[in-house]
Amino acid sequence: MKKIILIGVLIEFFILLYFYFYFIDLSEVFRYSARYSGRLSLFVYLLCFYLFSLEYKQGVFNFTKKATLVFAILHLIHFVYLSLSVFLNDLPIVPYKLLGGFIAYLLIIIYPLIIDKISNSIFHIIYFYYVGIVMAMTYIARIKGEFIGAPTELFHYVGLSLVLLSFIIYGYKLFKIKKE
């Protein structure tokens, strides 16, 4: 487990290092580090959701717990990059738009610590769908051009599609298991 966390942290570090040598301006270093760190978080989230769907029937979430711990650590690093990007680029902060993301960050941090204590499966499902909805809303906002300094890219459509596809596939799988 420690090796996986170390690998994830090293990937985050190499993202920062790459953009540090690519850009002269620190504001751009953290803008791009936050962007690509977020993309890494998306793939780790999708892995967590997949593992949860595999372990759902047994109700024991050993792999999910480990993966969500890695996700929490990597997403905290993403938060640091994002915060520095907002600060260094003097981006406007809209409090009501931040509330959903703030709640998602709290859930991301707390979930791996309490996963074994959750007895009602609906709370696990709420976690994965809520975090996914916040990610999807981020991609939608980028597609609509609502992010200053972040033009719409093909990856935003891909990311949104992956989140929505995971909702459908894993939702169907969980529903099917629940009916059995």
Protein backbone atom coordinates (compact mmCIF):
# COMPACT_ATOMS: atom_id res chain seq x y z
CA MET A 1 0.00 0.00 0.00
CA LYS A 2 2.79 2.40 0.87
CA LYS A 3 4.39 1.74 -2.52
CA ILE A 4 1.19 2.66 -4.34
CA ILE A 5 0.87 5.89 -2.35
CA LEU A 6 4.52 6.67 -3.04
CA ILE A 7 4.04 6.05 -6.77
CA GLY A 8 1.00 8.35 -6.79
CA VAL A 9 2.83 11.09 -4.92
CA LEU A 10 5.79 10.74 -7.28
CA ILE A 11 3.48 11.10 -10.29
CA GLU A 12 2.06 14.27 -8.72
CA PHE A 13 5.61 15.53 -8.11
CA PHE A 14 6.64 14.78 -11.71
CA ILE A 15 3.57 16.66 -12.98
CA LEU A 16 4.72 19.70 -11.01
CA LEU A 17 8.35 19.22 -12.02
CA TYR A 18 7.48 18.91 -15.70
CA PHE A 19 5.53 22.16 -15.74
CA TYR A 20 8.15 23.87 -13.59
CA PHE A 21 10.70 23.26 -16.35
CA TYR A 22 8.18 23.93 -19.14
CA PHE A 23 6.96 27.34 -17.93
CA ILE A 24 8.89 30.27 -16.50
CA ASP A 25 5.88 31.82 -14.77
CA LEU A 26 4.87 30.07 -11.52
CA SER A 27 1.23 30.95 -12.09
CA GLU A 28 1.28 28.83 -15.26
CA VAL A 29 3.22 26.06 -13.50
CA PHE A 30 0.44 25.68 -10.94
CA ARG A 31 -2.37 26.27 -13.46
CA TYR A 32 -1.19 23.31 -15.55
CA SER A 33 -0.13 21.20 -12.57
CA ALA A 34 -3.64 21.58 -11.14
CA ARG A 35 -5.17 20.71 -14.51
CA TYR A 36 -3.18 17.51 -15.03
CA SER A 37 -3.30 16.53 -11.37
CA GLY A 38 -7.08 16.75 -11.64
CA ARG A 39 -6.98 14.42 -14.61
CA LEU A 40 -4.96 11.92 -12.59
CA SER A 41 -7.56 12.21 -9.81
CA LEU A 42 -10.32 11.43 -12.32
CA PHE A 43 -8.71 8.14 -13.27
CA VAL A 44 -8.06 7.19 -9.64
CA TYR A 45 -11.71 8.03 -8.81
CA LEU A 46 -12.88 5.80 -11.68
CA LEU A 47 -10.67 2.99 -10.36
CA CYS A 48 -12.14 3.45 -6.87
CA PHE A 49 -15.69 3.31 -8.22
CA TYR A 50 -14.84 0.18 -10.23
CA LEU A 51 -13.34 -1.56 -7.18
CA PHE A 52 -16.38 -0.59 -5.13
CA SER A 53 -18.67 -2.15 -7.74
CA LEU A 54 -16.64 -5.38 -7.53
CA GLU A 55 -16.73 -5.53 -3.73
CA TYR A 56 -20.31 -4.31 -3.29
CA LYS A 57 -21.91 -7.75 -3.21
CA GLN A 58 -19.66 -9.00 -0.38
CA GLY A 59 -20.00 -5.77 1.58
CA VAL A 60 -16.30 -5.84 2.48
CA PHE A 61 -14.37 -3.03 0.84
CA ASN A 62 -10.69 -3.82 1.36
CA PHE A 63 -9.47 -2.76 -2.09
CA THR A 64 -11.91 0.15 -2.22
CA LYS A 65 -10.59 1.43 1.12
CA LYS A 66 -6.99 1.33 -0.10
CA ALA A 67 -7.84 2.96 -3.42
CA THR A 68 -9.90 5.72 -1.81
CA LEU A 69 -7.03 6.44 0.58
CA VAL A 70 -4.73 6.90 -2.42
CA PHE A 71 -7.42 9.04 -4.06
CA ALA A 72 -7.69 11.20 -0.93
CA ILE A 73 -3.95 11.79 -0.74
CA LEU A 74 -3.61 12.56 -4.45
CA HIS A 75 -6.66 14.80 -4.43
CA LEU A 76 -5.22 16.74 -1.48
CA ILE A 77 -2.11 17.37 -3.56
CA HIS A 78 -4.40 18.46 -6.40
CA PHE A 79 -6.09 20.85 -3.96
CA VAL A 80 -2.71 22.41 -3.10
CA TYR A 81 -1.92 22.90 -6.80
CA LEU A 82 -5.39 24.28 -7.41
CA SER A 83 -5.22 26.67 -4.47
CA LEU A 84 -1.85 27.99 -5.58
CA SER A 85 -3.15 28.37 -9.13
CA VAL A 86 -6.15 30.38 -7.92
CA PHE A 87 -3.91 32.54 -5.72
CA LEU A 88 -1.11 33.11 -8.24
CA ASN A 89 -3.47 33.75 -11.15
CA ASP A 90 -5.69 36.01 -9.04
CA LEU A 91 -8.78 34.06 -10.11
CA PRO A 92 -12.15 35.17 -8.75
CA ILE A 93 -13.69 32.97 -6.08
CA VAL A 94 -17.47 32.53 -6.13
CA PRO A 95 -18.40 31.13 -2.67
CA TYR A 96 -21.69 29.46 -3.63
CA LYS A 97 -19.96 27.63 -6.49
CA LEU A 98 -17.27 26.38 -4.10
CA LEU A 99 -19.68 24.83 -1.60
CA GLY A 100 -20.30 21.65 -3.61
CA GLY A 101 -16.58 21.14 -4.20
CA PHE A 102 -15.80 21.82 -0.54
CA ILE A 103 -18.27 19.14 0.55
CA ALA A 104 -16.78 16.74 -2.02
CA TYR A 105 -13.26 17.39 -0.69
CA LEU A 106 -14.46 16.67 2.86
CA LEU A 107 -16.08 13.42 1.72
CA ILE A 108 -12.95 12.42 -0.22
CA ILE A 109 -10.80 12.91 2.88
CA ILE A 110 -13.18 11.34 5.41
CA TYR A 111 -14.50 8.37 3.41
CA PRO A 112 -11.40 6.10 3.53
CA LEU A 113 -11.23 6.69 7.29
CA ILE A 114 -14.84 5.67 7.96
CA ILE A 115 -15.55 3.20 5.16
CA ASP A 116 -15.47 0.21 7.55
CA LYS A 117 -17.97 1.90 9.88
CA ILE A 118 -20.61 2.51 7.20
CA SER A 119 -23.26 -0.18 7.51
CA ASN A 120 -25.88 1.16 5.10
CA SER A 121 -24.76 0.72 1.49
CA ILE A 122 -26.66 3.81 0.35
CA PHE A 123 -24.00 6.01 1.99
CA HIS A 124 -21.27 4.38 -0.08
CA ILE A 125 -23.32 4.96 -3.21
CA ILE A 126 -23.99 8.58 -2.24
CA TYR A 127 -20.25 9.12 -1.82
CA PHE A 128 -19.36 7.83 -5.29
CA TYR A 129 -22.21 9.60 -7.06
CA TYR A 130 -21.76 12.89 -5.22
CA VAL A 131 -18.01 13.05 -5.91
CA GLY A 132 -18.68 12.05 -9.52
CA ILE A 133 -21.37 14.70 -9.93
CA VAL A 134 -18.97 17.38 -8.67
CA MET A 135 -16.34 16.16 -11.16
CA ALA A 136 -18.93 16.12 -13.95
CA MET A 137 -20.03 19.66 -13.08
CA THR A 138 -16.41 20.79 -13.28
CA TYR A 139 -16.12 19.36 -16.79
CA ILE A 140 -19.44 20.91 -17.80
CA ALA A 141 -18.26 24.31 -16.56
CA ARG A 142 -15.04 23.94 -18.56
CA ILE A 143 -16.99 22.92 -21.67
CA LYS A 144 -19.21 25.98 -21.24
CA GLY A 145 -16.09 28.19 -20.97
CA GLU A 146 -16.72 29.24 -17.37
CA PHE A 147 -13.11 28.69 -16.24
CA ILE A 148 -10.78 31.65 -16.73
CA GLY A 149 -7.54 30.56 -18.39
CA ALA A 150 -8.81 27.08 -19.22
CA PRO A 151 -10.09 26.81 -22.78
CA THR A 152 -12.34 23.91 -23.66
CA GLU A 153 -10.37 20.82 -24.63
CA LEU A 154 -11.27 17.39 -25.97
CA PHE A 155 -10.32 15.91 -22.60
CA HIS A 156 -13.20 17.77 -20.93
CA TYR A 157 -15.65 15.87 -23.12
CA VAL A 158 -13.77 12.62 -22.51
CA GLY A 159 -13.71 13.19 -18.74
CA LEU A 160 -17.41 14.03 -18.62
CA SER A 161 -18.22 10.98 -20.75
CA LEU A 162 -16.16 8.69 -18.51
CA VAL A 163 -17.91 9.93 -15.36
CA LEU A 164 -21.37 9.58 -16.92
CA LEU A 165 -20.50 6.17 -18.34
CA SER A 166 -19.30 5.01 -14.91
CA PHE A 167 -22.61 6.19 -13.40
CA ILE A 168 -24.54 4.11 -15.89
CA ILE A 169 -22.38 0.97 -15.88
CA TYR A 170 -21.70 0.78 -12.15
CA GLY A 171 -25.19 2.00 -11.28
CA TYR A 172 -26.69 -0.79 -13.36
CA LYS A 173 -24.30 -3.31 -11.81
CA LEU A 174 -25.13 -2.18 -8.25
CA PHE A 175 -28.87 -2.16 -9.00
CA LYS A 176 -28.64 -5.67 -10.43
CA ILE A 177 -26.77 -6.92 -7.34
CA LYS A 178 -29.31 -5.27 -5.03
CA LYS A 179 -32.19 -7.04 -6.81
CA GLU A 180 -30.58 -10.49 -6.35
